[in-house]
Amino acid sequence: MALEEAEDNFARTKGPVPSAFEDFTFDARWWTGPTNKIQTRLGQVSDDDQELAVIVTTGAFCPIHRGHVQMLETAKKELESRGIAVLGGYICPDHDRYVSTKIKVGSLSAAERLELCEIAAEASDWIMVDRWAAIYAWSAVGFTTIVSHIEKMVNHYVKTPRPINVVYAFGGDNAAFSFSFVAGGSCVCVLRPGSLEVFQEMHGYESFRNNPMIIFSHDTTAPLDSTSVRKGDLAALLPKVKNRWITMTTGTPPKLLSSAPSHTKVYHIRNEGLWALQPFLPQSKCSIEMLERAYDMFCENLQEVFELAFDAVAGQIPSFKISRTRLRDQENPFQELHTTHSPILSLDPCLPGTNNLYISQLSEPLVQAPLAVVAAPGTASLEKQFAQLEAGEYALFAEHLPLEPKILEYLEGKLPEGRTIASQICHEHLSTPSRGGQSVDTSTRTQRTINARDFLAGSQQGGTLLQLPSSVTRVVRAPNMLPYIRACEVASIAEMGFSKAVWELNQQFFTSVGGEATVSDTDLGFQALCELQGFPPDMRMTEICQWHLDAFDDMSFKELWIGL
């Protein structure tokens, strides 16, 4: 659906917008887990009559280990041996209130357990992590409730005429869970070392033996357990999980224990001024000066939020520095680059070059790896943009270097014959030292621009371009906060607290400019997101912010977060 059509296709909502999770177990407006791997595997199923399934497992996962993954793989093998196509699997860590009753010493927070699970799942082409039970539910919930949540989520987001059966997988020590599926549903009980007696006892029940929806797998998992890990035996952990576990429990990542030098990473929060505020200008009842002051304050406070987020994990990441820069301070140095690097092919929409490529990465909610490279909404197709380039050599200008791998791969494969990239330059080249002759090392990304507009809802080209799962493919723009976007590239960041703090900054911004701005005053990409969320065009942006803040207030999450 074209973003330009969004304004004409809103369905106005009568009465107040319902708060998040009124149904408790599921709310389509608040993403709790990705579905991308299910969508991919569904497209690979060639038999229209083949039965479809998604596997779910729950537990403390404190921490997750190879035995947990092996149990999921065993359940998958059991289903596939019966001709069932397994589209995906979800690891669903339990709530802190449950885990605290089970583990008295050495427990991790829900946010930390989730992070380890996501690390364990990232290399799998079918396993994912759902966050609802761990941090979005107000308290501990049972496994049948979690299964119900996954059923609702999959049925809503994955469109197929065939039903997708959600199958619960668990270890033989919990074989009695099978009784929950006698009246309906599906499960796979996988034998674990030490559980043979109870496993055989449950397997012997007549109601189980004659029920094809209750499967007992004798394929025993390895003798691994989380208790041993917490006592210091790390053999059960996957390599990346092991490294992160060491960081969480010692405060220092393995790579920082060596004497190898580490570069200070510098983050520049860019204030794009009126460029970012263009959607708000036509209908704004306050002065341009007031808008600029409000955005200045937003950027200043955003820097503080980032500093707090990084301070919360001090010692776990290489040293860092956060500063602010202004678009207007970049404009003259950028013009000077034209004399030494012309012609410039710019990827930065705020700083137009001799030619420009309006190019964006398309992602899915909560999925960090981009889906594809596409033309920015409202611009010509990439084919037409490339066709406008004259033959010759270009200096490619980007916000930071090295380029995102997906962007670099696309340019290398699609740039027309006779057009070449002779050099690459970035925002770092606009600084005074580099312009004075000092070289810039772009082999490692020690400098990174953070566009403040990406964290202001409804700003011009602000946030991340998302493709949303729905009956009709939707492309929208979402601000870089939960529930839409994982808040930061640093996985250890307290992203729940970070996201809530940035929504508070949004609330302050829209209040300070009069509180009258509505959805219809925002960027068309954000309007398309609001349409999908059920937020009407006349809903005030302060109400949008409050809706998200109320949802955070209703959730139970514990992170290392100081707050403003």
Protein backbone atom coordinates (compact mmCIF):
# COMPACT_ATOMS: atom_id res chain seq x y z
CA MET A 1 0.00 0.00 0.00
CA ALA A 2 1.48 3.38 -0.96
CA LEU A 3 2.10 5.67 1.98
CA GLU A 4 0.49 8.52 0.08
CA GLU A 5 -2.80 6.62 0.19
CA ALA A 6 -2.80 6.33 3.96
CA GLU A 7 -4.58 9.62 4.55
CA ASP A 8 -7.56 8.52 2.47
CA ASN A 9 -7.90 5.06 3.97
CA PHE A 10 -8.15 5.69 7.71
CA ALA A 11 -11.09 4.08 9.47
CA ARG A 12 -12.07 6.54 12.15
CA THR A 13 -12.46 5.04 15.57
CA LYS A 14 -15.61 5.87 17.53
CA GLY A 15 -14.99 6.53 21.18
CA PRO A 16 -11.69 6.19 23.06
CA VAL A 17 -8.92 3.98 21.73
CA PRO A 18 -8.80 0.76 23.79
CA SER A 19 -5.77 0.43 26.05
CA ALA A 20 -3.12 -2.18 25.31
CA PHE A 21 -3.71 -5.82 26.31
CA GLU A 22 -7.36 -5.47 27.26
CA ASP A 23 -7.59 -9.11 26.18
CA PHE A 24 -4.62 -9.77 28.51
CA THR A 25 -2.97 -12.51 26.44
CA PHE A 26 -2.68 -10.77 23.08
CA ASP A 27 -2.82 -7.33 21.50
CA ALA A 28 -2.00 -6.98 17.80
CA ARG A 29 -0.85 -3.40 18.42
CA TRP A 30 1.97 -4.44 20.74
CA TRP A 31 4.46 -6.79 19.11
CA THR A 32 5.91 -9.37 21.48
CA GLY A 33 7.69 -11.68 19.07
CA PRO A 34 8.72 -11.90 15.41
CA THR A 35 6.99 -14.06 12.82
CA ASN A 36 9.51 -13.65 10.00
CA LYS A 37 10.88 -17.19 10.14
CA ILE A 38 7.36 -18.65 10.03
CA GLN A 39 6.51 -16.50 7.00
CA THR A 40 9.68 -17.64 5.21
CA ARG A 41 9.16 -21.34 5.88
CA LEU A 42 5.47 -21.14 4.98
CA GLY A 43 6.50 -19.96 1.52
CA GLN A 44 8.66 -23.08 1.16
CA VAL A 45 5.82 -25.56 1.82
CA SER A 46 4.86 -26.98 -1.57
CA ASP A 47 2.14 -29.42 -0.46
CA ASP A 48 -1.16 -27.56 -0.09
CA ASP A 49 -2.57 -30.36 2.04
CA GLN A 50 0.35 -30.72 4.45
CA GLU A 51 -0.46 -30.11 8.11
CA LEU A 52 1.26 -27.05 9.60
CA ALA A 53 2.63 -26.57 13.11
CA VAL A 54 4.51 -24.12 15.35
CA ILE A 55 6.28 -25.40 18.47
CA VAL A 56 6.30 -23.56 21.81
CA THR A 57 8.35 -24.21 24.92
CA THR A 58 8.39 -22.37 28.23
CA GLY A 59 10.60 -22.28 31.30
CA ALA A 60 12.96 -20.16 33.36
CA PHE A 61 15.86 -20.49 30.89
CA CYS A 62 18.26 -19.27 33.56
CA PRO A 63 20.24 -19.65 31.45
CA ILE A 64 19.22 -21.30 28.20
CA HIS A 65 21.56 -24.13 27.18
CA ARG A 66 22.10 -26.64 24.39
CA GLY A 67 19.69 -29.11 26.00
CA HIS A 68 16.79 -26.67 25.57
CA VAL A 69 17.56 -26.24 21.89
CA GLN A 70 18.00 -29.98 21.46
CA MET A 71 14.56 -30.59 22.99
CA LEU A 72 12.99 -28.25 20.41
CA GLU A 73 14.87 -29.97 17.59
CA THR A 74 13.67 -33.36 18.87
CA ALA A 75 10.06 -32.19 18.98
CA LYS A 76 10.44 -30.85 15.44
CA LYS A 77 11.82 -34.18 14.25
CA GLU A 78 8.91 -36.08 15.84
CA LEU A 79 6.35 -33.89 14.06
CA GLU A 80 8.15 -34.01 10.72
CA SER A 81 8.33 -37.81 10.92
CA ARG A 82 4.53 -37.70 10.96
CA GLY A 83 4.39 -35.59 7.81
CA ILE A 84 3.81 -32.26 9.58
CA ALA A 85 5.55 -29.11 8.30
CA VAL A 86 7.08 -27.24 11.25
CA LEU A 87 7.07 -23.56 10.36
CA GLY A 88 8.70 -22.20 13.49
CA GLY A 89 9.29 -22.48 17.19
CA TYR A 90 9.10 -20.07 20.12
CA ILE A 91 11.13 -19.98 23.29
CA CYS A 92 8.98 -18.21 25.91
CA PRO A 93 10.85 -17.38 29.11
CA ASP A 94 8.77 -17.18 32.27
CA HIS A 95 8.02 -14.11 34.38
CA ASP A 96 10.39 -12.98 37.15
CA ARG A 97 7.71 -13.65 39.75
CA TYR A 98 7.71 -17.33 38.82
CA VAL A 99 11.47 -17.64 38.45
CA SER A 100 12.09 -16.03 41.84
CA THR A 101 10.13 -18.86 43.52
CA LYS A 102 12.15 -21.49 41.68
CA ILE A 103 15.68 -20.04 41.78
CA LYS A 104 16.77 -18.41 45.03
CA VAL A 105 20.44 -17.74 44.20
CA GLY A 106 22.04 -16.68 40.91
CA SER A 107 18.88 -15.78 39.03
CA LEU A 108 18.91 -13.40 36.07
CA SER A 109 16.25 -10.78 35.33
CA ALA A 110 13.67 -11.41 32.62
CA ALA A 111 15.46 -8.95 30.32
CA GLU A 112 18.75 -10.81 30.74
CA ARG A 113 17.18 -14.24 30.23
CA LEU A 114 15.41 -12.98 27.12
CA GLU A 115 18.65 -11.66 25.72
CA LEU A 116 20.41 -15.00 26.16
CA CYS A 117 17.48 -16.78 24.52
CA GLU A 118 17.63 -14.40 21.56
CA ILE A 119 21.35 -15.04 21.18
CA ALA A 120 20.69 -18.79 21.21
CA ALA A 121 17.98 -18.45 18.56
CA GLU A 122 19.66 -15.99 16.18
CA ALA A 123 21.48 -18.65 14.13
CA SER A 124 18.41 -20.89 13.77
CA ASP A 125 16.25 -20.68 10.67
CA TRP A 126 13.11 -21.58 12.63
CA ILE A 127 13.49 -20.82 16.37
CA MET A 128 12.43 -17.38 17.72
CA VAL A 129 11.77 -15.76 21.10
CA ASP A 130 8.49 -14.31 22.36
CA ARG A 131 8.65 -11.73 25.16
CA TRP A 132 5.06 -11.57 26.36
CA ALA A 133 5.17 -13.89 29.39
CA ALA A 134 8.53 -12.57 30.60
CA ILE A 135 8.01 -8.82 30.58
CA TYR A 136 4.63 -7.81 29.15
CA ALA A 137 2.36 -9.94 31.30
CA TRP A 138 1.60 -8.23 34.63
CA SER A 139 2.48 -11.40 36.59
CA ALA A 140 3.43 -15.05 36.20
CA VAL A 141 1.18 -17.04 33.84
CA GLY A 142 0.79 -20.76 33.19
CA PHE A 143 2.07 -22.58 30.11
CA THR A 144 -1.44 -23.09 28.71
CA THR A 145 -1.97 -19.31 28.79
CA ILE A 146 1.31 -18.80 26.94
CA VAL A 147 0.27 -21.36 24.32
CA SER A 148 -2.99 -19.43 23.90
CA HIS A 149 -1.02 -16.21 23.40
CA ILE A 150 1.12 -17.77 20.67
CA GLU A 151 -1.96 -19.23 18.97
CA LYS A 152 -3.59 -15.79 18.82
CA MET A 153 -0.41 -14.10 17.61
CA VAL A 154 0.31 -16.64 14.86
CA ASN A 155 -3.31 -16.71 13.68
CA HIS A 156 -3.39 -12.91 13.49
CA TYR A 157 -0.10 -12.29 11.70
CA VAL A 158 0.40 -15.41 9.55
CA LYS A 159 -2.21 -15.49 6.82
CA THR A 160 -2.91 -18.95 5.41
CA PRO A 161 -6.16 -20.79 4.59
CA ARG A 162 -4.87 -23.80 6.51
CA PRO A 163 -4.86 -23.89 10.31
CA ILE A 164 -1.49 -23.72 12.06
CA ASN A 165 -1.43 -26.06 15.03
CA VAL A 166 0.53 -24.79 18.07
CA VAL A 167 2.35 -27.68 19.75
CA TYR A 168 3.73 -27.43 23.28
CA ALA A 169 7.13 -29.10 23.87
CA PHE A 170 8.43 -30.01 27.34
CA GLY A 171 10.82 -32.36 29.08
CA GLY A 172 10.04 -35.79 30.52
CA ASP A 173 10.41 -34.50 34.09
CA ASN A 174 7.17 -32.56 33.43
CA ALA A 175 5.40 -35.47 31.71
CA ALA A 176 2.27 -34.82 33.76
CA PHE A 177 1.74 -31.68 31.68
CA SER A 178 0.32 -34.07 29.07
CA PHE A 179 -2.97 -34.19 30.99
CA SER A 180 -3.59 -30.57 29.94
CA PHE A 181 -3.90 -31.69 26.31
CA VAL A 182 -6.29 -34.64 26.64
CA ALA A 183 -9.32 -32.47 25.92
CA GLY A 184 -7.62 -30.54 23.11
CA GLY A 185 -4.39 -29.13 21.79
CA SER A 186 -1.10 -30.84 20.97
CA CYS A 187 2.12 -31.58 22.80
CA VAL A 188 5.42 -33.42 22.56
CA CYS A 189 7.01 -34.78 25.74
CA VAL A 190 10.75 -35.37 25.26
CA LEU A 191 12.61 -37.83 27.51
CA ARG A 192 15.28 -36.20 29.67
CA PRO A 193 18.01 -37.95 31.67
CA GLY A 194 16.61 -38.86 35.10
CA SER A 195 12.97 -38.66 34.04
CA LEU A 196 12.49 -42.21 32.69
CA GLU A 197 10.23 -43.41 35.52
CA VAL A 198 7.68 -40.61 35.33
CA PHE A 199 7.98 -40.54 31.54
CA GLN A 200 7.05 -44.24 31.26
CA GLU A 201 4.27 -43.90 33.84
CA MET A 202 2.60 -41.08 31.86
CA HIS A 203 3.20 -42.81 28.54
CA GLY A 204 1.33 -45.84 29.84
CA TYR A 205 -1.98 -44.03 30.29
CA GLU A 206 -4.60 -45.28 27.84
CA SER A 207 -5.84 -41.76 27.08
CA PHE A 208 -2.34 -40.79 25.95
CA ARG A 209 -1.51 -43.90 23.93
CA ASN A 210 -4.58 -43.51 21.74
CA ASN A 211 -4.26 -39.76 21.25
CA PRO A 212 -2.19 -38.80 18.17
CA MET A 213 -2.01 -35.22 19.42
CA ILE A 214 0.03 -36.25 22.49
CA ILE A 215 3.46 -37.50 21.50
CA PHE A 216 6.10 -39.10 23.75
CA SER A 217 9.61 -38.99 22.29
CA HIS A 218 12.16 -41.52 23.53
CA ASP A 219 14.98 -39.58 21.85
CA THR A 220 16.72 -38.53 25.06
CA THR A 221 18.28 -35.08 25.33
CA ALA A 222 21.83 -34.59 26.59
CA PRO A 223 22.40 -34.56 30.39
CA LEU A 224 22.53 -30.77 30.65
CA ASP A 225 20.86 -28.43 33.12
CA SER A 226 20.84 -24.75 34.07
CA THR A 227 21.65 -25.46 37.72
CA SER A 228 25.09 -26.76 36.76
CA VAL A 229 25.71 -23.64 34.70
CA ARG A 230 24.81 -21.40 37.62
CA LYS A 231 27.30 -23.38 39.74
CA GLY A 232 30.08 -22.67 37.26
CA ASP A 233 30.04 -25.51 34.71
CA LEU A 234 29.61 -23.66 31.39
CA ALA A 235 30.00 -26.69 29.10
CA ALA A 236 26.27 -26.72 28.33
CA LEU A 237 26.23 -23.21 26.89
CA LEU A 238 26.37 -22.29 23.23
CA PRO A 239 29.53 -20.21 22.49
CA LYS A 240 27.85 -16.81 22.10
CA VAL A 241 25.54 -17.47 25.04
CA LYS A 242 28.59 -18.42 27.12
CA ASN A 243 30.35 -15.13 26.34
CA ARG A 244 27.28 -13.10 27.23
CA TRP A 245 26.67 -15.16 30.40
CA ILE A 246 30.23 -14.41 31.56
CA THR A 247 29.60 -10.71 30.95
CA MET A 248 26.33 -10.75 32.88
CA THR A 249 27.72 -12.64 35.86
CA THR A 250 31.17 -11.03 36.09
CA GLY A 251 30.51 -7.55 34.70
CA THR A 252 33.27 -7.86 32.10
CA PRO A 253 33.01 -9.41 28.62
CA PRO A 254 35.70 -11.94 27.68
CA LYS A 255 37.10 -9.73 24.92
CA LEU A 256 37.68 -6.91 27.41
CA LEU A 257 39.64 -9.20 29.74
CA SER A 258 42.52 -9.22 27.25
CA SER A 259 45.13 -6.52 26.91
CA ALA A 260 44.12 -5.74 23.33
CA PRO A 261 43.32 -2.04 22.88
CA SER A 262 39.70 -1.11 22.28
CA HIS A 263 38.52 1.96 20.45
CA THR A 264 36.28 4.48 22.13
CA LYS A 265 32.98 4.49 20.31
CA VAL A 266 31.56 7.94 19.69
CA TYR A 267 27.85 8.48 19.13
CA HIS A 268 26.77 11.80 17.63
CA ILE A 269 23.11 12.64 18.21
CA ARG A 270 22.16 14.84 15.26
CA ASN A 271 19.63 17.63 15.65
CA GLU A 272 18.18 18.06 12.15
CA GLY A 273 16.22 21.17 13.16
CA LEU A 274 13.32 22.23 10.97
CA TRP A 275 14.18 19.55 8.39
CA ALA A 276 12.85 16.89 10.79
CA LEU A 277 9.85 18.99 11.81
CA GLN A 278 8.47 19.65 8.30
CA PRO A 279 5.27 17.59 8.78
CA PHE A 280 4.30 19.66 11.82
CA LEU A 281 4.86 23.11 10.25
CA PRO A 282 1.69 23.62 8.12
CA GLN A 283 -0.81 23.07 10.94
CA SER A 284 1.29 24.22 13.87
CA LYS A 285 -0.26 26.95 15.99
CA CYS A 286 3.04 27.83 17.64
CA SER A 287 5.96 29.76 16.19
CA ILE A 288 8.86 28.20 14.33
CA GLU A 289 11.12 29.41 17.13
CA MET A 290 9.02 27.51 19.68
CA LEU A 291 9.17 24.33 17.58
CA GLU A 292 12.95 24.63 17.28
CA ARG A 293 13.37 25.21 21.02
CA ALA A 294 11.19 22.21 21.81
CA TYR A 295 13.24 20.03 19.45
CA ASP A 296 16.48 21.36 20.92
CA MET A 297 15.26 20.27 24.35
CA PHE A 298 14.17 16.90 22.95
CA CYS A 299 17.67 16.31 21.53
CA GLU A 300 19.36 17.42 24.74
CA ASN A 301 17.23 15.06 26.82
CA LEU A 302 17.69 12.25 24.30
CA GLN A 303 21.44 12.49 24.85
CA GLU A 304 20.86 12.13 28.58
CA VAL A 305 18.67 9.06 28.05
CA PHE A 306 21.37 7.44 25.92
CA GLU A 307 24.01 8.24 28.52
CA LEU A 308 21.89 6.66 31.25
CA ALA A 309 21.29 3.60 29.07
CA PHE A 310 25.00 3.09 28.46
CA ASP A 311 25.98 3.91 32.05
CA ALA A 312 23.66 1.11 33.17
CA VAL A 313 25.96 -1.40 31.43
CA ALA A 314 29.26 0.37 32.11
CA GLY A 315 32.11 -2.14 32.13
CA GLN A 316 30.25 -4.54 29.86
CA ILE A 317 30.94 -2.64 26.64
CA PRO A 318 33.97 -0.78 25.23
CA SER A 319 34.33 2.83 26.30
CA PHE A 320 31.94 5.27 24.67
CA LYS A 321 31.23 8.96 24.30
CA ILE A 322 27.97 10.65 23.35
CA SER A 323 27.81 14.13 21.87
CA ARG A 324 25.35 16.28 19.94
CA THR A 325 25.73 17.84 16.52
CA ARG A 326 23.49 20.00 14.35
CA LEU A 327 22.55 19.62 10.73
CA ARG A 328 23.08 23.34 10.17
CA ASP A 329 26.68 22.97 11.40
CA GLN A 330 27.27 20.21 8.84
CA GLU A 331 25.98 22.10 5.81
CA ASN A 332 28.98 24.38 5.11
CA PRO A 333 31.62 21.65 5.64
CA PHE A 334 29.58 19.41 3.36
CA GLN A 335 29.60 22.06 0.63
CA GLU A 336 33.39 22.27 0.98
CA LEU A 337 33.61 18.54 0.29
CA HIS A 338 32.13 19.20 -3.13
CA THR A 339 35.37 20.97 -4.11
CA THR A 340 37.54 17.95 -3.29
CA HIS A 341 35.23 14.96 -3.83
CA SER A 342 32.87 16.03 -6.60
CA PRO A 343 30.65 14.53 -7.82
CA ILE A 344 29.11 13.34 -4.56
CA LEU A 345 26.47 10.62 -4.45
CA SER A 346 24.72 11.20 -1.12
CA LEU A 347 22.79 8.63 0.90
CA ASP A 348 21.93 11.25 3.54
CA PRO A 349 18.55 12.85 2.71
CA CYS A 350 19.40 15.86 4.90
CA LEU A 351 22.59 16.67 2.95
CA PRO A 352 21.91 16.47 -0.81
CA GLY A 353 24.92 15.84 -3.02
CA THR A 354 25.50 16.20 -6.74
CA ASN A 355 23.18 13.22 -6.97
CA ASN A 356 21.18 11.50 -4.28
CA LEU A 357 20.09 7.95 -3.62
CA TYR A 358 16.97 7.88 -1.49
CA ILE A 359 17.46 4.38 -0.18
CA SER A 360 16.18 2.64 2.96
CA GLN A 361 16.46 -0.70 4.67
CA LEU A 362 13.14 -2.47 5.15
CA SER A 363 12.73 -4.43 8.38
CA GLU A 364 10.10 -6.26 10.39
CA PRO A 365 9.03 -5.46 13.95
CA LEU A 366 11.56 -6.65 16.55
CA VAL A 367 13.80 -8.16 13.85
CA GLN A 368 17.20 -6.50 13.68
CA ALA A 369 18.35 -8.03 10.40
CA PRO A 370 16.84 -6.05 7.47
CA LEU A 371 14.56 -7.75 4.97
CA ALA A 372 15.55 -5.80 1.89
CA VAL A 373 16.82 -2.54 0.46
CA VAL A 374 14.10 -0.34 -1.03
CA ALA A 375 13.54 3.17 -2.30
CA ALA A 376 12.54 5.58 0.45
CA PRO A 377 8.75 6.09 0.42
CA GLY A 378 7.63 8.99 -1.73
CA THR A 379 10.69 8.79 -4.02
CA ALA A 380 11.32 7.23 -7.43
CA SER A 381 12.14 3.54 -7.68
CA LEU A 382 15.79 2.66 -7.20
CA GLU A 383 15.95 1.63 -10.87
CA LYS A 384 14.86 5.13 -11.92
CA GLN A 385 17.24 6.74 -9.44
CA PHE A 386 20.16 4.71 -10.81
CA ALA A 387 19.14 5.56 -14.39
CA GLN A 388 19.52 9.26 -13.60
CA LEU A 389 23.20 8.84 -12.69
CA GLU A 390 25.61 9.95 -15.40
CA ALA A 391 28.51 7.64 -16.19
CA GLY A 392 31.64 8.30 -14.16
CA GLU A 393 33.22 8.01 -10.74
CA TYR A 394 31.45 9.12 -7.57
CA ALA A 395 32.33 9.84 -3.98
CA LEU A 396 29.73 8.04 -1.91
CA PHE A 397 28.58 10.04 1.12
CA ALA A 398 26.91 8.27 4.06
CA GLU A 399 26.16 9.05 7.67
CA HIS A 400 28.77 6.59 8.92
CA LEU A 401 31.20 4.03 7.55
CA PRO A 402 31.60 1.18 6.91
CA LEU A 403 28.23 0.97 5.20
CA GLU A 404 25.51 -1.36 6.43
CA PRO A 405 26.27 -4.73 4.77
CA LYS A 406 22.86 -4.91 3.08
CA ILE A 407 23.28 -1.43 1.56
CA LEU A 408 26.83 -2.15 0.40
CA GLU A 409 25.79 -5.48 -1.15
CA TYR A 410 22.92 -3.81 -2.97
CA LEU A 411 25.05 -0.98 -4.38
CA GLU A 412 27.77 -3.35 -5.53
CA GLY A 413 25.23 -5.51 -7.31
CA LYS A 414 22.91 -2.86 -8.78
CA LEU A 415 25.07 0.13 -9.70
CA PRO A 416 24.78 0.48 -13.51
CA GLU A 417 27.75 -0.22 -15.74
CA GLY A 418 30.04 2.77 -16.12
CA ARG A 419 29.17 4.15 -12.68
CA THR A 420 31.71 3.40 -9.97
CA ILE A 421 32.32 4.37 -6.35
CA ALA A 422 35.82 5.87 -6.28
CA SER A 423 35.79 6.83 -2.61
CA GLN A 424 33.59 6.80 0.47
CA ILE A 425 33.12 9.68 2.88
CA CYS A 426 30.88 10.21 5.89
CA HIS A 427 29.87 12.62 8.65
CA GLU A 428 33.24 12.13 10.31
CA HIS A 429 34.86 13.88 7.34
CA LEU A 430 32.83 16.98 8.20
CA SER A 431 34.65 17.49 11.49
CA THR A 432 37.37 20.16 11.76
CA PRO A 433 40.34 17.75 12.32
CA SER A 434 39.56 15.65 9.24
CA ARG A 435 39.05 18.71 7.08
CA GLY A 436 42.44 19.93 8.29
CA GLY A 437 44.17 16.98 6.72
CA GLN A 438 43.94 14.27 9.37
CA SER A 439 42.93 10.91 7.93
CA VAL A 440 39.73 9.15 8.95
CA ASP A 441 39.80 5.43 9.67
CA THR A 442 36.53 4.04 8.32
CA SER A 443 37.46 0.36 8.57
CA THR A 444 35.85 0.13 12.00
CA ARG A 445 32.75 2.08 12.94
CA THR A 446 34.10 4.08 15.89
CA GLN A 447 31.88 7.04 14.98
CA ARG A 448 28.15 6.71 14.53
CA THR A 449 25.40 9.23 13.84
CA ILE A 450 22.15 8.83 15.74
CA ASN A 451 19.44 10.86 14.03
CA ALA A 452 17.26 12.39 16.72
CA ARG A 453 14.28 12.34 14.35
CA ASP A 454 14.34 8.53 14.45
CA PHE A 455 13.12 8.77 18.05
CA LEU A 456 10.47 11.48 17.51
CA ALA A 457 7.14 9.99 16.44
CA GLY A 458 5.80 11.47 13.20
CA SER A 459 8.91 13.41 12.18
CA GLN A 460 9.98 13.67 8.53
CA GLN A 461 11.47 10.30 7.46
CA GLY A 462 11.88 9.48 11.14
CA GLY A 463 12.30 6.00 12.54
CA THR A 464 12.61 2.68 10.75
CA LEU A 465 10.79 1.51 7.66
CA LEU A 466 8.78 -1.59 8.57
CA GLN A 467 6.89 -4.18 6.59
CA LEU A 468 4.05 -5.34 8.77
CA PRO A 469 2.41 -8.77 8.57
CA SER A 470 -1.23 -8.32 7.61
CA SER A 471 -3.75 -9.37 5.00
CA VAL A 472 -2.41 -6.56 2.79
CA THR A 473 1.31 -5.82 2.85
CA ARG A 474 1.85 -2.57 4.75
CA VAL A 475 4.96 -0.42 4.72
CA VAL A 476 5.05 2.06 7.57
CA ARG A 477 7.47 4.18 9.57
CA ALA A 478 7.83 3.49 13.28
CA PRO A 479 9.89 5.41 15.85
CA ASN A 480 12.90 3.51 17.16
CA MET A 481 11.33 2.37 20.41
CA LEU A 482 9.41 -0.60 21.66
CA PRO A 483 6.98 -2.08 20.84
CA TYR A 484 8.06 -1.57 17.23
CA ILE A 485 11.86 -1.47 17.18
CA ARG A 486 14.53 -3.00 19.39
CA ALA A 487 15.79 0.20 20.90
CA CYS A 488 19.54 -0.01 20.45
CA GLU A 489 22.28 -1.92 18.68
CA VAL A 490 23.82 -2.68 22.08
CA ALA A 491 21.94 -5.79 23.15
CA SER A 492 22.63 -5.28 26.85
CA ILE A 493 20.89 -1.91 26.95
CA ALA A 494 17.88 -1.72 29.26
CA GLU A 495 15.59 -1.27 26.29
CA MET A 496 12.28 -1.35 28.16
CA GLY A 497 13.33 1.52 30.40
CA PHE A 498 14.97 3.26 27.44
CA SER A 499 11.83 3.03 25.32
CA LYS A 500 9.59 4.27 28.10
CA ALA A 501 11.92 7.23 28.73
CA VAL A 502 11.90 8.20 25.04
CA TRP A 503 8.10 8.01 24.88
CA GLU A 504 8.13 10.41 27.83
CA LEU A 505 10.38 12.76 25.82
CA ASN A 506 7.88 12.57 22.96
CA GLN A 507 5.09 13.44 25.36
CA GLN A 508 7.07 16.45 26.62
CA PHE A 509 7.81 17.63 23.06
CA PHE A 510 4.21 17.55 21.85
CA THR A 511 2.96 19.13 25.07
CA SER A 512 5.50 21.96 24.85
CA VAL A 513 4.38 22.87 21.31
CA GLY A 514 0.79 23.30 22.38
CA GLY A 515 -0.49 19.72 22.57
CA GLU A 516 -2.70 20.21 19.48
CA ALA A 517 -0.73 18.15 16.91
CA THR A 518 -2.68 15.11 15.68
CA VAL A 519 -1.88 12.00 13.70
CA SER A 520 -2.90 13.80 10.49
CA ASP A 521 -0.10 16.34 11.08
CA THR A 522 2.65 13.72 10.92
CA ASP A 523 4.77 12.03 8.27
CA LEU A 524 2.68 9.78 5.99
CA GLY A 525 4.69 6.74 7.03
CA PHE A 526 3.75 7.28 10.65
CA GLN A 527 0.14 7.88 9.64
CA ALA A 528 0.15 4.46 7.97
CA LEU A 529 1.39 2.91 11.23
CA CYS A 530 -1.38 4.65 13.17
CA GLU A 531 -3.99 3.38 10.72
CA LEU A 532 -2.88 -0.17 11.40
CA GLN A 533 -2.85 0.48 15.15
CA GLY A 534 -6.37 1.86 15.15
CA PHE A 535 -5.28 5.38 16.09
CA PRO A 536 -7.61 7.79 14.20
CA PRO A 537 -6.29 10.83 12.26
CA ASP A 538 -7.73 13.28 14.77
CA MET A 539 -6.09 11.58 17.76
CA ARG A 540 -3.64 13.94 19.42
CA MET A 541 0.01 12.98 19.53
CA THR A 542 0.01 13.53 23.27
CA GLU A 543 -2.66 10.82 23.47
CA ILE A 544 -0.57 8.51 21.29
CA CYS A 545 2.36 8.96 23.68
CA GLN A 546 0.15 8.42 26.72
CA TRP A 547 -1.26 5.21 25.24
CA HIS A 548 2.25 3.77 25.03
CA LEU A 549 3.24 5.05 28.46
CA ASP A 550 0.11 3.54 30.04
CA ALA A 551 1.01 0.18 28.50
CA PHE A 552 4.50 0.33 30.01
CA ASP A 553 3.02 1.24 33.40
CA ASP A 554 0.78 -1.83 33.28
CA MET A 555 3.73 -4.15 32.63
CA SER A 556 6.04 -5.77 35.12
CA PHE A 557 9.66 -5.52 34.07
CA LYS A 558 12.88 -5.21 36.04
CA GLU A 559 15.96 -3.77 34.42
CA LEU A 560 19.14 -2.03 35.47
CA TRP A 561 17.76 1.39 34.65
CA ILE A 562 18.12 4.64 36.56
CA GLY A 563 15.70 6.83 34.63
CA LEU A 564 15.53 10.58 34.30
